[in-house]
Protein backbone atom coordinates (compact mmCIF):
# COMPACT_ATOMS: atom_id res chain seq x y z
CA MET A 1 0.11 0.01 -0.17
CA ALA A 2 2.80 2.16 0.71
CA ALA A 3 4.53 1.53 -2.16
CA ALA A 4 1.06 1.99 -4.37
CA LEU A 5 0.64 5.34 -2.61
CA LEU A 6 4.47 6.66 -3.06
CA ALA A 7 3.90 5.76 -7.18
CA ASN A 8 0.40 8.16 -6.74
CA VAL A 9 2.53 10.95 -5.61
CA LEU A 10 5.95 10.12 -8.18
CA TYR A 11 3.69 9.76 -11.45
CA SER A 12 1.69 12.87 -10.85
CA SER A 13 4.54 14.79 -10.00
CA GLY A 14 6.81 13.98 -12.65
CA PHE A 15 3.58 14.44 -15.29
CA VAL A 16 3.58 18.15 -14.24
CA LEU A 17 7.04 18.79 -14.59
CA GLU A 18 7.07 17.47 -17.41
CA LYS A 19 3.95 19.77 -18.40
CA ARG A 20 6.40 22.82 -17.24
CA ALA A 21 9.33 21.82 -19.16
CA LEU A 22 7.41 21.83 -22.46
CA ALA A 23 5.66 24.48 -22.10
CA ALA A 24 9.31 26.36 -21.96
CA LEU A 25 10.33 24.44 -25.42
CA PRO A 26 9.44 25.27 -28.69
CA GLU A 27 6.75 22.92 -30.30
CA VAL A 28 8.06 19.25 -30.64
CA THR A 29 5.98 16.32 -33.00
CA VAL A 30 6.49 12.65 -33.45
CA ARG A 31 7.56 13.12 -36.88
CA ARG A 32 10.89 14.70 -35.59
CA PRO A 33 11.84 12.06 -32.76
CA GLY A 34 15.16 12.96 -32.69
CA ARG A 35 14.56 16.86 -32.20
CA LEU A 36 12.31 16.11 -29.70
CA LEU A 37 14.46 14.11 -27.76
CA ARG A 38 17.18 16.67 -28.34
CA LEU A 39 14.94 19.21 -27.04
CA VAL A 40 13.93 17.39 -23.76
CA LEU A 41 17.06 15.84 -22.32
CA GLY A 42 18.50 19.60 -22.50
CA SER A 43 15.61 20.49 -19.95
CA PRO A 44 16.62 19.71 -16.23
CA LEU A 45 13.51 20.49 -15.32
CA TRP A 46 11.87 17.93 -17.60
CA ILE A 47 14.87 15.34 -16.52
CA GLY A 48 13.87 15.53 -13.16
CA GLY A 49 10.19 14.83 -14.00
CA SER A 50 11.22 11.47 -15.95
CA LEU A 51 13.66 10.80 -12.87
CA ALA A 52 10.20 10.90 -10.96
CA LEU A 53 8.14 8.70 -13.34
CA ALA A 54 11.14 6.27 -13.63
CA ALA A 55 10.88 5.74 -9.61
CA GLY A 56 7.46 5.84 -10.10
CA PHE A 57 7.79 2.73 -12.40
CA ALA A 58 10.01 0.92 -9.80
CA ALA A 59 7.31 1.50 -7.13
CA GLN A 60 5.12 -0.50 -9.35
CA LEU A 61 7.15 -3.03 -9.54
CA VAL A 62 6.90 -3.94 -5.83
CA VAL A 63 2.94 -3.30 -5.89
CA TYR A 64 2.67 -6.08 -8.24
CA ARG A 65 4.47 -8.59 -6.39
CA THR A 66 2.06 -8.33 -3.48
CA LEU A 67 -1.23 -6.91 -4.40
CA PRO A 68 -3.52 -8.38 -7.62
CA ILE A 69 -3.87 -6.83 -10.67
CA ALA A 70 -7.20 -5.07 -9.73
CA ALA A 71 -6.49 -4.02 -6.49
CA ALA A 72 -3.08 -2.14 -7.72
CA GLN A 73 -4.95 -0.13 -10.42
CA GLY A 74 -7.57 1.30 -8.15
CA ILE A 75 -5.01 2.45 -5.82
CA PHE A 76 -2.96 4.02 -8.68
CA VAL A 77 -6.05 5.84 -10.02
CA SER A 78 -6.80 7.51 -6.80
CA GLY A 79 -3.83 9.87 -7.71
CA LEU A 80 -5.78 11.61 -10.03
CA VAL A 81 -6.93 13.72 -7.39
CA LEU A 82 -3.34 14.76 -6.78
CA LEU A 83 -2.96 15.47 -10.06
CA VAL A 84 -5.79 17.78 -10.82
CA LEU A 85 -4.83 19.50 -7.65
CA LEU A 86 -0.83 20.20 -8.79
CA SER A 87 -1.88 21.24 -12.67
CA ALA A 88 -4.28 24.16 -10.89
CA ARG A 89 -1.75 25.06 -8.61
CA LEU A 90 1.17 24.92 -10.74
CA LEU A 91 0.56 24.70 -14.25
CA GLY A 92 -2.57 27.30 -13.51
CA GLU A 93 -4.98 24.66 -15.49
CA GLU A 94 -8.35 24.78 -15.14
CA THR A 95 -11.00 21.98 -15.57
CA SER A 96 -14.84 22.84 -16.90
CA GLY A 97 -17.72 21.21 -14.75
CA ARG A 98 -18.37 18.38 -17.10
CA GLU A 99 -14.68 17.42 -16.73
CA ARG A 100 -14.91 17.56 -12.98
CA TYR A 101 -17.89 15.27 -13.41
CA ALA A 102 -16.38 13.02 -15.32
CA LEU A 103 -13.10 12.58 -13.45
CA ALA A 104 -15.53 11.83 -9.92
CA ALA A 105 -17.41 9.08 -12.39
CA ILE A 106 -13.61 7.64 -13.17
CA LEU A 107 -12.99 7.48 -9.09
CA ALA A 108 -16.18 6.04 -8.22
CA ALA A 109 -15.73 3.45 -11.30
CA LEU A 110 -12.25 2.49 -9.76
CA LEU A 111 -13.32 2.30 -6.14
CA MET A 112 -16.16 -0.33 -7.39
CA VAL A 113 -13.50 -2.28 -8.62
CA VAL A 114 -11.79 -1.95 -5.52
CA LEU A 115 -14.99 -2.52 -3.17
CA SER A 116 -15.02 -5.80 -5.81
CA LEU A 117 -12.13 -7.33 -3.90
CA ASP A 118 -12.17 -10.34 -1.37
CA GLU A 119 -9.07 -10.57 0.54
CA GLY A 120 -9.61 -14.14 1.50
CA THR A 121 -9.99 -15.40 -2.26
CA GLU A 122 -7.98 -12.76 -4.30
CA THR A 123 -4.65 -14.18 -5.63
CA VAL A 124 -1.46 -12.64 -6.86
CA GLY A 125 -0.85 -14.04 -10.17
CA ARG A 126 2.78 -14.87 -10.96
CA ALA A 127 2.92 -15.88 -14.53
CA ALA A 128 1.21 -15.82 -17.85
CA PRO A 129 1.71 -17.81 -21.03
CA TYR A 130 3.57 -16.01 -23.90
CA PRO A 131 1.47 -16.80 -26.68
CA LEU A 132 -1.55 -14.99 -24.82
CA VAL A 133 0.55 -12.08 -23.80
CA LEU A 134 1.88 -11.53 -27.19
CA LEU A 135 -1.71 -12.36 -28.67
CA LEU A 136 -3.24 -9.36 -26.51
CA CYS A 137 -0.14 -6.71 -26.45
CA VAL A 138 0.90 -6.97 -30.29
CA PRO A 139 -2.73 -5.89 -31.35
CA SER A 140 -3.34 -3.30 -28.29
CA LEU A 141 0.45 -1.19 -30.05
CA ALA A 142 -0.97 -1.24 -33.40
CA SER A 143 -4.30 0.23 -32.08
CA GLY A 144 -2.36 2.90 -29.76
CA VAL A 145 -0.15 4.15 -32.57
CA TRP A 146 -3.20 4.01 -35.51
CA LEU A 147 -5.15 6.20 -32.92
CA TYR A 148 -2.57 9.02 -32.40
CA ARG A 149 -1.61 9.22 -35.76
CA ALA A 150 -5.31 9.21 -36.79
CA ALA A 151 -5.61 12.39 -33.94
CA GLU A 152 -2.74 13.65 -35.39
CA ARG A 153 -4.42 14.02 -39.07
CA ARG A 154 -7.49 15.31 -37.65
CA ALA A 155 -5.66 17.88 -35.22
CA LEU A 156 -3.96 19.38 -38.38
CA ARG A 157 -7.10 20.18 -40.04
CA ARG A 158 -7.99 23.95 -40.42
CA HIS A 159 -10.96 25.46 -38.91
CA ARG A 160 -11.01 22.52 -36.31
CA LEU A 161 -11.65 23.32 -32.88
CA PRO A 162 -8.75 22.79 -30.26
CA THR A 163 -8.63 18.85 -28.68
CA THR A 164 -9.17 18.18 -25.44
CA GLY A 165 -6.68 15.27 -25.87
CA VAL A 166 -9.22 12.34 -25.20
CA GLU A 167 -7.83 10.39 -28.25
CA TYR A 168 -4.04 10.95 -27.22
CA GLY A 169 -4.87 10.51 -23.93
CA VAL A 170 -6.78 6.82 -24.87
CA ALA A 171 -3.62 6.13 -27.40
CA VAL A 172 -1.03 6.31 -25.46
CA GLY A 173 -2.74 4.48 -22.30
CA LEU A 174 -2.97 1.39 -24.54
CA LEU A 175 0.54 1.43 -25.04
CA TYR A 176 1.19 2.23 -21.43
CA GLY A 177 -1.00 -0.62 -20.66
CA VAL A 178 1.08 -3.18 -22.62
CA SER A 179 3.66 -1.52 -20.29
CA SER A 180 2.05 -2.37 -16.90
CA LEU A 181 1.66 -6.03 -18.10
CA ALA A 182 4.90 -6.30 -18.77
CA ILE A 183 6.03 -4.74 -15.73
CA LYS A 184 3.73 -7.29 -13.93
CA GLY A 185 5.18 -10.25 -15.73
CA VAL A 186 8.54 -8.98 -14.72
CA SER A 187 7.91 -8.70 -10.90
CA GLY A 188 6.50 -12.24 -11.24
CA TYR A 189 10.22 -13.72 -12.24
CA TRP A 190 11.82 -11.67 -9.62
CA THR A 191 9.23 -13.31 -7.34
CA SER A 192 9.74 -16.99 -7.89
CA ALA A 193 14.10 -16.66 -8.80
CA GLY A 194 16.17 -18.08 -6.94
CA SER A 195 18.92 -15.42 -7.36
CA ALA A 196 19.36 -12.33 -8.69
CA GLY A 197 20.85 -13.74 -11.63
CA GLY A 198 18.45 -16.26 -12.43
CA ALA A 199 15.61 -13.55 -12.26
CA LEU A 200 17.41 -11.75 -14.74
CA LEU A 201 18.48 -14.10 -17.40
CA ASP A 202 14.26 -15.41 -16.90
CA VAL A 203 13.50 -11.97 -17.80
CA LEU A 204 15.77 -11.95 -20.87
CA ARG A 205 14.03 -14.63 -22.06
CA SER A 206 10.96 -13.35 -21.66
CA PRO A 207 8.94 -11.16 -24.03
CA TYR A 208 8.40 -8.65 -21.55
CA PRO A 209 11.67 -6.40 -21.45
CA TYR A 210 11.21 -6.22 -25.19
CA LEU A 211 7.56 -5.00 -24.91
CA LEU A 212 8.84 -2.56 -22.06
CA LEU A 213 11.65 -0.93 -24.71
CA PHE A 214 9.24 -0.56 -27.42
CA THR A 215 6.26 0.71 -25.07
CA GLY A 216 8.81 2.59 -23.07
CA ALA A 217 10.40 4.38 -26.91
CA PHE A 218 6.94 4.99 -28.35
CA GLY A 219 5.11 6.43 -25.45
CA LEU A 220 8.18 8.93 -24.74
CA VAL A 221 7.74 10.54 -27.72
CA MET A 222 3.95 10.13 -28.32
CA SER A 223 3.18 11.50 -24.59
CA GLN A 224 5.35 14.00 -24.68
CA ALA A 225 4.26 15.77 -27.97
CA ALA A 226 0.58 15.37 -26.57
CA LEU A 227 1.55 16.55 -23.10
CA GLN A 228 2.71 19.73 -24.91
CA ARG A 229 -0.38 20.92 -26.77
CA CYS A 230 -3.26 19.81 -24.25
CA ARG A 231 -3.76 19.93 -20.79
CA ALA A 232 -2.25 17.64 -18.35
CA SER A 233 -5.06 17.43 -15.85
CA LEU A 234 -7.30 16.14 -18.61
CA ILE A 235 -4.84 14.12 -20.83
CA VAL A 236 -3.01 12.02 -17.82
CA PRO A 237 -6.47 11.28 -15.99
CA VAL A 238 -7.78 9.56 -19.50
CA CYS A 239 -4.42 7.91 -20.16
CA THR A 240 -4.50 6.66 -16.54
CA THR A 241 -7.55 5.24 -16.60
CA VAL A 242 -6.88 3.32 -19.89
CA THR A 243 -4.07 2.10 -18.87
CA CYS A 244 -5.84 0.54 -15.38
CA LEU A 245 -8.67 -0.71 -17.02
CA TYR A 246 -6.80 -2.61 -19.69
CA THR A 247 -4.07 -3.56 -16.68
CA ALA A 248 -6.93 -4.69 -14.54
CA VAL A 249 -9.24 -6.72 -17.20
CA LEU A 250 -6.64 -8.02 -19.56
CA GLY A 251 -4.05 -8.62 -16.96
CA THR A 252 -6.51 -10.34 -14.58
CA LEU A 253 -7.31 -12.66 -17.36
CA SER A 254 -3.78 -13.06 -18.44
CA PHE A 255 -2.01 -13.64 -15.27
CA GLY A 256 -4.77 -15.96 -13.98
CA GLU A 257 -6.39 -14.02 -11.08
CA ALA A 258 -9.49 -15.19 -9.77
CA LEU A 259 -12.78 -13.16 -10.97
CA PRO A 260 -15.37 -12.10 -7.45
CA ASP A 261 -16.94 -15.26 -6.46
CA HIS A 262 -19.63 -13.91 -4.92
CA PRO A 263 -22.78 -12.28 -7.22
CA LEU A 264 -22.58 -8.87 -5.48
CA ARG A 265 -18.92 -8.44 -5.77
CA MET A 266 -19.03 -9.48 -9.32
CA ALA A 267 -21.95 -6.90 -10.27
CA LEU A 268 -19.13 -4.17 -8.70
CA ARG A 269 -16.48 -5.46 -10.95
CA LEU A 270 -18.40 -5.38 -14.22
CA ALA A 271 -20.41 -1.92 -12.90
CA GLY A 272 -17.21 -0.10 -12.15
CA THR A 273 -15.49 -1.59 -15.73
CA ALA A 274 -18.45 -0.44 -17.49
CA LEU A 275 -18.86 3.22 -16.27
CA ALA A 276 -14.94 4.10 -16.45
CA VAL A 277 -15.71 3.03 -20.36
CA GLY A 278 -18.96 4.97 -20.69
CA VAL A 279 -17.03 8.10 -19.04
CA LEU A 280 -14.42 7.82 -21.49
CA LEU A 281 -16.68 7.70 -24.58
CA THR A 282 -18.72 10.76 -23.34
CA MET A 283 -16.31 12.93 -22.34
CA PRO A 284 -15.73 15.77 -24.51
CA LYS A 285 -13.33 15.75 -27.59
CA HIS A 286 -13.01 19.60 -28.28
CA ASP A 287 -12.57 22.74 -26.44
CA SER A 288 -15.35 24.86 -27.25
CA ALA A 289 -13.27 27.93 -27.50
CA PRO A 290 -9.11 28.07 -27.72
CA ARG A 291 -8.42 29.00 -24.19
CA GLN A 292 -5.22 30.51 -22.81
CA PRO A 293 -4.31 28.97 -19.88
CA ALA A 294 -3.47 30.85 -16.82
CA PRO A 295 0.54 31.63 -15.96
CA ALA A 296 2.07 28.90 -14.48
CA LYS A 297 3.08 29.36 -10.63
CA GLU A 298 6.59 29.45 -9.84
CA LEU A 299 7.55 26.61 -7.88
CA THR A 300 10.34 28.94 -5.86
CA PRO A 301 9.14 32.48 -4.41
CA PRO A 302 10.60 35.27 -6.25
């Protein structure tokens, strides 16, 4: 539980720091990944944010060793409250009433998933069949890249209303969902192996490190370009929700973690998942008019 809460703080802080750094940089695009990397790596503030995110991934690895996937995702999504608060305080971003209701509904949905857990019967899965993992992950990666490219093409049309970033968030969320499954797979090998050396060899023989490399490279470029042009207070919650739903549903099935036996708990699990998906489908895709964000507040007193 402590590791999950720490991961929330690290993730929220990391995204906010990266957003502040990107606001001071020239426009970046996925069409020029080399230039994007050169710009962000030259920003100490962005490097600090990326280190916070990397530490969050490490904390996530600890969480997956001790908690069922669905329980872990419920705790991770609670960090959206902190993210919205930091975005308002440090980035000057404001969310509309409709968006705040949507975020509240997402939190309620994930709370329903957490309430569906039964400590007496929930088990922590350690391994999943490689063919099943690849069958789930490869189409998901392709779908995420395709959706992102489609959002980019629509954004280039003239006289188009400013995008809220929902489509970008869904696309990147699919990539990070695959990354989350890979982290879960690595945690299982690290738990079951007798030594660190044996665990490392087992991990290298699995598809997980290569999935992490792919999602890390593409996710980095795609997320930074999207984060620069969209509000962190909306795109990150959408991305996080898609990641958590993807991991909770497909991770539970692929790693053999049992579904609730009690009808009420099963109903909560299904209703929470359906509510979260429904909220994503009804969230606004465009801002009603171009909005200038309020000036970001300084991190340190003048």
